[in-house]
C-alpha cells in the first residue's frame, strides 16, 4: 500500500546500505608493500593490502596486483597467482591458500555463539585456466579452529565468473570483542592429503584438518596455471548485495590501520620528521602516524639513511631505533656517523639519498 502521510514516511526504518562489507580492500586496489613479488614458495605472504595467504610445498609463485578484471563491474584491479614452478605430487602437508584475517570487534554483528547467530554471505569474481572444484572456508581462530567450508566451481577456463556462497550462523563459540584475529576467510588453491582425506565440513564443526579442503583442485600442478580474484564482499545475511565500492581514500585509510608505509620520496633528503632534540650523541624526536593502528606496530626502515643538522652537511646514520610508541605515535632515536656532539639543542631531519626511502609500521593480523 503506498505511503500517504508524512507520519508514514517518518516511521519507516531505512536500512543501512553502507559499510556492509566486513572485508577491507575487496576490490584489490591498495598495494602498499609491492605490486608484484616473485619466487614465493614458503610461509606467510601478502598479495595486496589485507589479503595474503600461506604456502608450503605447493610450488613457486609470482603474486601480483593485476589489471585483469571482469568487464563492466567497476573494478580496476585483481589479485593474481601465477605458478612458476609446479608441484604435481603434493605431500600430506602441502597447502596454498588465499585469505583475510578479521578482527573480532568487527564481527560482533554476526552474533556468533548465540541463538541469534547470523548467516553470512561471501561473493567474489574469480578467473582461472584450471577449471574444477575449489573450497572457500570460514575458520574460527577464537574457538579452537571451528570451521565450515563450501565448494564452488570454475566452469569456464580463462573466464571471469561471479560466485556467491552462504555460510550458516554458528550458535557455538563467541568471538572476542577485541583487536585480535577472530575469523579467517580462506580460498584454498592447493592442499595435500592432510587437508583433503576426510569429508568436507559443510556445517560448523570442531576442527578436523582432514575435512578442510576436500575435493579442491591442485592449482600448483602446472606452470601454465593462474588464478585471479576481485570484488570480494563478506556481509551479514543470506543475500549478496551489490558490491560496496569505497573511495580510494577510505580504503587506503582502512588498510593503513594494519600496515603504514611513510615515504621519503625525493633525492637527497626529504624531511621525514623534524624537531629532533640533540642529546649529546643522540637525536630524539616524536613522529605522529597518519592513522591509529590496530596495535603497537613493529617497525623497519628502507633507505632512510641520511641525517641533517643545520649548518652541517648530510651525514649517514650509525643507528636508528624506535624506543617507544603507542598505536598512533612513535619516538625515534638517531645517532649520525659523525658530527654527533653539539653544545646545544638543534633541529634535525631524516631523509634518503635515494628516491624510494620509506619507513614501515606493521600491525597486521
Protein backbone atom coordinates (compact mmCIF):
# COMPACT_ATOMS: atom_id res chain seq x y z
CA UNK A 1 0.00 0.00 0.00
CA UNK A 2 1.52 3.38 -0.95
CA UNK A 3 2.59 5.82 1.76
CA UNK A 4 0.13 8.70 2.01
CA UNK A 5 1.07 10.52 5.20
CA UNK A 6 4.19 12.27 6.41
CA UNK A 7 3.94 10.19 9.58
CA UNK A 8 4.09 7.03 7.49
CA UNK A 9 7.32 8.15 5.88
CA UNK A 10 8.83 9.17 9.21
CA UNK A 11 8.02 5.79 10.72
CA UNK A 12 9.79 3.76 8.04
CA UNK A 13 13.01 2.01 9.03
CA UNK A 14 15.63 2.90 6.45
CA UNK A 15 18.16 0.07 6.03
CA UNK A 16 21.85 0.82 6.49
CA UNK A 17 23.18 0.38 2.98
CA UNK A 18 26.74 1.43 3.79
CA UNK A 19 29.58 -0.46 5.46
CA UNK A 20 28.11 -3.82 4.51
CA UNK A 21 31.42 -5.33 3.51
CA UNK A 22 33.21 -6.70 6.55
CA UNK A 23 36.38 -7.15 4.50
CA UNK A 24 38.86 -4.42 3.61
CA UNK A 25 40.28 -3.84 0.13
CA UNK A 26 37.89 -6.25 -1.56
CA UNK A 27 38.48 -4.50 -4.90
CA UNK A 28 42.21 -5.21 -4.55
CA UNK A 29 43.07 -1.57 -5.23
CA UNK A 30 45.56 -0.87 -2.41
CA UNK A 31 49.02 -2.45 -2.61
CA UNK A 32 51.50 -0.67 -0.32
CA UNK A 33 54.04 -3.49 0.02
CA UNK A 34 54.55 -4.23 -3.67
CA UNK A 35 52.58 -4.72 -6.87
CA UNK A 36 54.47 -7.90 -7.77
CA UNK A 37 56.53 -10.41 -5.82
CA UNK A 38 58.29 -13.37 -7.45
CA UNK A 39 59.62 -16.68 -6.08
CA UNK A 40 57.09 -17.13 -3.27
CA UNK A 41 57.40 -20.74 -2.12
CA UNK A 42 57.06 -20.96 1.67
CA UNK A 43 55.47 -19.29 4.68
CA UNK A 44 53.10 -16.39 5.06
CA UNK A 45 52.77 -13.83 2.30
CA UNK A 46 50.73 -10.85 1.14
CA UNK A 47 49.44 -10.09 -2.34
CA UNK A 48 47.67 -6.74 -1.87
CA UNK A 49 46.88 -4.99 1.41
CA UNK A 50 44.93 -7.15 3.88
CA UNK A 51 44.89 -10.14 1.52
CA UNK A 52 47.61 -12.71 1.98
CA UNK A 53 47.97 -16.40 2.49
CA UNK A 54 50.20 -19.31 3.33
CA UNK A 55 52.22 -21.73 1.21
CA UNK A 56 54.05 -24.94 1.99
CA UNK A 57 55.38 -27.48 -0.53
CA UNK A 58 52.99 -26.28 -3.23
CA UNK A 59 55.21 -24.94 -5.99
CA UNK A 60 56.63 -21.48 -6.51
CA UNK A 61 54.53 -18.46 -7.39
CA UNK A 62 54.61 -14.89 -8.58
CA UNK A 63 51.99 -12.83 -6.74
CA UNK A 64 50.79 -9.54 -8.16
CA UNK A 65 48.20 -6.82 -8.30
CA UNK A 66 46.74 -7.24 -11.78
CA UNK A 67 44.65 -5.02 -14.05
CA UNK A 68 42.81 -8.04 -15.48
CA UNK A 69 39.24 -7.55 -14.21
CA UNK A 70 35.66 -8.53 -15.09
CA UNK A 71 34.19 -6.18 -17.67
CA UNK A 72 31.56 -3.66 -16.66
CA UNK A 73 31.73 -4.23 -12.88
CA UNK A 74 33.67 -1.12 -11.87
CA UNK A 75 36.86 -2.88 -10.78
CA UNK A 76 40.35 -1.72 -11.75
CA UNK A 77 42.44 -4.42 -10.05
CA UNK A 78 42.54 -8.05 -9.07
CA UNK A 79 44.94 -10.29 -7.16
CA UNK A 80 46.82 -12.77 -9.32
CA UNK A 81 48.61 -16.05 -8.59
CA UNK A 82 50.97 -17.24 -11.35
CA UNK A 83 52.63 -20.65 -10.97
CA UNK A 84 56.31 -20.56 -11.94
CA UNK A 85 57.45 -23.91 -10.52
CA UNK A 86 54.90 -26.72 -10.47
CA UNK A 87 54.26 -29.46 -7.92
CA UNK A 88 52.07 -32.19 -9.35
CA UNK A 89 52.54 -34.58 -6.41
CA UNK A 90 51.51 -32.79 -3.24
CA UNK A 91 52.71 -34.12 0.11
CA UNK A 92 50.43 -34.57 3.10
CA UNK A 93 51.35 -31.14 4.45
CA UNK A 94 51.18 -29.24 1.16
CA UNK A 95 48.97 -26.17 1.11
CA UNK A 96 48.37 -22.94 -0.72
CA UNK A 97 45.66 -20.58 0.47
CA UNK A 98 44.49 -17.00 -0.03
CA UNK A 99 42.93 -15.30 2.98
CA UNK A 100 41.93 -12.28 5.00
CA UNK A 101 42.02 -12.29 8.80
CA UNK A 102 39.30 -10.28 10.58
CA UNK A 103 39.31 -8.54 13.97
CA UNK A 104 36.78 -9.78 16.50
CA UNK A 105 35.43 -6.30 17.22
CA UNK A 106 34.39 -6.03 13.56
CA UNK A 107 32.41 -9.27 13.78
CA UNK A 108 30.08 -8.72 16.72
CA UNK A 109 27.15 -8.20 14.32
CA UNK A 110 27.38 -11.92 13.46
CA UNK A 111 26.13 -12.85 16.97
CA UNK A 112 28.27 -15.95 16.72
CA UNK A 113 27.98 -18.30 19.66
CA UNK A 114 24.41 -17.23 20.45
CA UNK A 115 20.95 -18.47 19.49
CA UNK A 116 20.70 -15.41 17.23
CA UNK A 117 23.75 -16.32 15.13
CA UNK A 118 23.51 -14.76 11.68
CA UNK A 119 24.10 -16.30 8.30
CA UNK A 120 26.85 -14.68 6.24
CA UNK A 121 27.42 -14.45 2.52
CA UNK A 122 30.63 -14.04 0.57
CA UNK A 123 30.67 -13.07 -3.09
CA UNK A 124 33.60 -12.67 -5.44
CA UNK A 125 34.71 -12.69 -9.06
CA UNK A 126 37.22 -15.41 -9.96
CA UNK A 127 39.08 -16.49 -13.08
CA UNK A 128 41.48 -19.34 -13.85
CA UNK A 129 42.62 -21.52 -16.69
CA UNK A 130 42.18 -24.51 -14.33
CA UNK A 131 38.53 -25.46 -14.09
CA UNK A 132 37.05 -27.63 -11.36
CA UNK A 133 36.14 -27.57 -7.69
CA UNK A 134 37.60 -25.11 -5.19
CA UNK A 135 36.85 -24.65 -1.48
CA UNK A 136 36.08 -21.43 0.40
CA UNK A 137 36.30 -21.72 4.19
CA UNK A 138 35.50 -19.79 7.36
CA UNK A 139 37.91 -20.61 10.18
CA UNK A 140 37.25 -19.61 13.81
CA UNK A 141 40.54 -18.54 15.40
CA UNK A 142 38.92 -17.85 18.78
CA UNK A 143 37.39 -21.27 19.33
CA UNK A 144 40.00 -23.92 18.62
CA UNK A 145 39.59 -23.73 14.86
CA UNK A 146 35.90 -24.44 14.39
CA UNK A 147 35.30 -24.25 10.66
CA UNK A 148 32.87 -24.54 7.79
CA UNK A 149 33.68 -24.94 4.11
CA UNK A 150 31.71 -24.66 0.89
CA UNK A 151 32.69 -25.60 -2.64
CA UNK A 152 32.41 -23.52 -5.78
CA UNK A 153 33.18 -24.47 -9.35
CA UNK A 154 35.17 -22.66 -12.01
CA UNK A 155 33.29 -23.86 -15.07
CA UNK A 156 34.88 -21.99 -18.00
CA UNK A 157 38.61 -21.61 -18.44
CA UNK A 158 40.03 -18.08 -18.58
CA UNK A 159 36.62 -16.51 -17.99
CA UNK A 160 35.58 -14.23 -15.16
CA UNK A 161 32.79 -15.89 -13.14
CA UNK A 162 30.80 -14.48 -10.23
CA UNK A 163 30.41 -16.75 -7.19
CA UNK A 164 28.17 -16.46 -4.15
CA UNK A 165 28.46 -18.65 -1.05
CA UNK A 166 26.30 -18.52 2.08
CA UNK A 167 27.53 -19.84 5.42
CA UNK A 168 25.20 -20.81 8.25
CA UNK A 169 25.35 -18.95 11.52
CA UNK A 170 27.22 -20.70 14.32
CA UNK A 171 25.49 -20.94 17.69
CA UNK A 172 28.67 -22.27 19.30
CA UNK A 173 31.74 -20.20 20.15
CA UNK A 174 31.50 -16.47 20.74
CA UNK A 175 34.06 -14.18 19.14
CA UNK A 176 36.26 -11.90 21.22
CA UNK A 177 35.34 -8.22 21.11
CA UNK A 178 38.95 -7.14 20.61
CA UNK A 179 41.56 -6.28 18.00
CA UNK A 180 42.84 -9.84 17.52
CA UNK A 181 42.05 -12.31 14.75
CA UNK A 182 38.68 -13.98 15.33
CA UNK A 183 37.72 -15.29 11.89
CA UNK A 184 39.74 -16.06 8.79
CA UNK A 185 38.12 -16.26 5.36
CA UNK A 186 40.15 -18.58 3.11
CA UNK A 187 40.19 -19.69 -0.50
CA UNK A 188 42.04 -22.99 -0.97
CA UNK A 189 44.19 -23.28 -4.11
CA UNK A 190 46.14 -26.47 -3.34
CA UNK A 191 46.02 -28.90 -0.42
CA UNK A 192 47.67 -32.22 0.41
CA UNK A 193 46.06 -35.30 1.95
CA UNK A 194 46.39 -33.88 5.45
CA UNK A 195 43.72 -31.37 4.44
CA UNK A 196 41.66 -33.43 1.99
CA UNK A 197 41.41 -37.04 3.19
CA UNK A 198 38.22 -36.58 5.21
CA UNK A 199 34.74 -35.27 4.40
CA UNK A 200 34.22 -31.60 3.63
CA UNK A 201 32.92 -29.79 6.73
CA UNK A 202 29.86 -28.12 5.15
CA UNK A 203 28.30 -27.19 8.52
CA UNK A 204 30.03 -25.65 11.52
CA UNK A 205 32.05 -28.20 13.46
CA UNK A 206 35.13 -28.76 15.58
CA UNK A 207 38.47 -28.51 13.85
CA UNK A 208 39.45 -31.50 11.75
CA UNK A 209 42.17 -30.59 9.27
CA UNK A 210 41.38 -33.56 7.03
CA UNK A 211 37.94 -32.02 6.37
CA UNK A 212 39.08 -28.54 5.41
CA UNK A 213 39.80 -28.64 1.66
CA UNK A 214 38.29 -31.90 0.44
CA UNK A 215 37.90 -32.01 -3.34
CA UNK A 216 39.97 -28.91 -4.09
CA UNK A 217 41.91 -28.88 -7.36
CA UNK A 218 45.70 -28.72 -7.31
CA UNK A 219 46.38 -25.33 -8.86
CA UNK A 220 50.11 -25.98 -8.43
CA UNK A 221 50.29 -28.87 -10.89
CA UNK A 222 51.30 -26.85 -13.98
CA UNK A 223 53.32 -23.70 -14.65
CA UNK A 224 50.56 -22.59 -17.03
CA UNK A 225 48.17 -22.19 -14.10
CA UNK A 226 46.92 -18.79 -12.99
CA UNK A 227 44.20 -17.68 -10.58
CA UNK A 228 42.63 -14.22 -10.26
CA UNK A 229 40.16 -12.81 -7.74
CA UNK A 230 38.46 -9.45 -7.14
CA UNK A 231 35.19 -7.95 -5.95
CA UNK A 232 35.25 -9.81 -2.64
CA UNK A 233 32.44 -8.92 -0.25
CA UNK A 234 31.60 -10.63 3.04
CA UNK A 235 28.37 -9.50 4.70
CA UNK A 236 25.71 -10.46 7.18
CA UNK A 237 22.68 -12.22 5.71
CA UNK A 238 21.94 -14.79 3.06
CA UNK A 239 21.70 -12.34 0.15
CA UNK A 240 24.64 -10.98 -1.80
CA UNK A 241 24.03 -7.27 -2.23
CA UNK A 242 25.67 -5.04 -4.83
CA UNK A 243 29.41 -4.69 -4.23
CA UNK A 244 30.21 -1.76 -1.96
CA UNK A 245 32.72 0.39 -3.84
CA UNK A 246 34.55 2.60 -1.35
CA UNK A 247 36.58 5.63 -2.30
CA UNK A 248 40.31 5.11 -2.72
CA UNK A 249 40.93 7.44 0.22
CA UNK A 250 38.65 5.49 2.57
CA UNK A 251 40.03 2.11 1.53
CA UNK A 252 43.60 3.37 1.89
CA UNK A 253 42.98 4.64 5.42
CA UNK A 254 41.37 1.33 6.42
CA UNK A 255 44.42 -0.53 5.13
CA UNK A 256 46.85 1.77 6.95
CA UNK A 257 45.42 0.65 10.28
CA UNK A 258 47.30 -2.61 9.66
CA UNK A 259 50.27 -1.52 7.56
CA UNK A 260 51.57 2.00 7.03
CA UNK A 261 54.43 2.99 4.77
CA UNK A 262 55.67 6.58 5.09
CA UNK A 263 57.61 7.59 2.00
CA UNK A 264 60.58 9.94 1.85
CA UNK A 265 60.12 10.28 -1.88
CA UNK A 266 62.82 12.73 -3.03
CA UNK A 267 66.53 12.51 -3.78
CA UNK A 268 68.97 13.72 -1.13
CA UNK A 269 66.75 14.25 1.80
CA UNK A 270 63.10 14.96 2.11
CA UNK A 271 62.13 15.89 5.66
CA UNK A 272 60.50 12.85 7.20
CA UNK A 273 60.14 14.19 10.70
CA UNK A 274 61.63 17.18 12.39
CA UNK A 275 62.23 18.74 15.82
CA UNK A 276 64.78 16.18 16.90
CA UNK A 277 66.42 17.27 20.13
CA UNK A 278 70.17 16.79 20.34
CA UNK A 279 71.08 14.84 23.47
CA UNK A 280 74.88 14.65 23.19
CA UNK A 281 75.35 11.94 20.56
CA UNK A 282 71.72 11.05 20.02
CA UNK A 283 68.82 12.86 18.42
CA UNK A 284 65.37 12.04 19.74
CA UNK A 285 62.05 13.05 18.28
CA UNK A 286 58.42 12.10 18.01
CA UNK A 287 56.55 11.19 14.86
CA UNK A 288 52.77 11.03 14.66
CA UNK A 289 51.47 8.21 12.49
CA UNK A 290 48.85 9.05 9.85
CA UNK A 291 46.26 6.70 11.40
CA UNK A 292 45.70 4.96 14.71
CA UNK A 293 46.99 1.47 14.07
CA UNK A 294 45.41 -1.80 15.14
CA UNK A 295 48.10 -2.47 17.70
CA UNK A 296 51.62 -1.39 18.63
CA UNK A 297 53.41 -1.66 15.31
CA UNK A 298 56.69 -3.34 14.54
CA UNK A 299 58.96 -1.03 12.61
CA UNK A 300 61.57 -1.28 9.89
CA UNK A 301 63.28 1.19 7.61
CA UNK A 302 64.37 1.12 3.99
CA UNK A 303 66.81 3.63 2.54
CA UNK A 304 66.25 6.08 5.38
CA UNK A 305 69.97 6.58 5.65
CA UNK A 306 70.64 10.31 5.76
CA UNK A 307 70.57 12.80 8.60
CA UNK A 308 70.97 16.56 8.60
CA UNK A 309 71.66 19.16 11.29
CA UNK A 310 71.51 22.83 10.34
CA UNK A 311 74.93 24.12 9.36
CA UNK A 312 76.29 20.61 8.83
CA UNK A 313 76.09 18.63 5.59
CA UNK A 314 74.08 15.46 5.32
CA UNK A 315 75.54 12.58 7.27
CA UNK A 316 74.91 8.86 7.15
CA UNK A 317 73.17 7.17 10.08
CA UNK A 318 75.05 5.00 12.54
CA UNK A 319 71.89 3.69 14.18
CA UNK A 320 68.18 4.37 14.24
CA UNK A 321 65.82 2.78 16.73
CA UNK A 322 62.22 3.18 17.86
CA UNK A 323 62.46 3.46 21.61
CA UNK A 324 58.77 3.68 22.47
CA UNK A 325 55.49 4.07 20.73
CA UNK A 326 51.73 3.94 21.04
CA UNK A 327 49.11 3.00 18.47
CA UNK A 328 49.46 6.40 16.80
CA UNK A 329 52.79 7.91 17.80
CA UNK A 330 56.41 6.78 17.97
CA UNK A 331 59.73 8.06 19.29
CA UNK A 332 62.78 7.67 17.03
CA UNK A 333 66.36 7.77 18.29
CA UNK A 334 69.05 8.57 15.70
CA UNK A 335 72.83 8.53 16.02
CA UNK A 336 74.66 10.02 12.99
CA UNK A 337 78.07 8.66 12.00
CA UNK A 338 79.89 11.95 12.52
CA UNK A 339 79.38 15.44 13.95
CA UNK A 340 77.33 13.86 16.70
CA UNK A 341 78.35 16.08 19.59
CA UNK A 342 76.83 19.53 19.97
CA UNK A 343 76.82 22.02 22.80
CA UNK A 344 73.20 22.96 22.35
CA UNK A 345 69.93 21.53 21.16
CA UNK A 346 69.36 21.55 17.44
CA UNK A 347 66.71 20.55 14.96
CA UNK A 348 67.46 17.58 12.72
CA UNK A 349 65.91 15.99 9.67
CA UNK A 350 65.73 12.42 8.38
CA UNK A 351 65.94 11.66 4.70
CA UNK A 352 67.22 9.41 1.97
CA UNK A 353 69.85 9.61 -0.71
CA UNK A 354 67.56 7.60 -2.97
CA UNK A 355 64.06 8.20 -4.33
CA UNK A 356 62.49 5.20 -2.64
CA UNK A 357 63.22 5.83 1.02
CA UNK A 358 60.48 4.93 3.47
CA UNK A 359 59.65 3.76 6.98
CA UNK A 360 57.33 0.81 7.60
CA UNK A 361 54.95 0.36 10.54
CA UNK A 362 53.34 -3.08 10.61
CA UNK A 363 50.40 -4.05 12.87
CA UNK A 364 48.98 -6.72 10.58
CA UNK A 365 46.96 -9.62 11.95
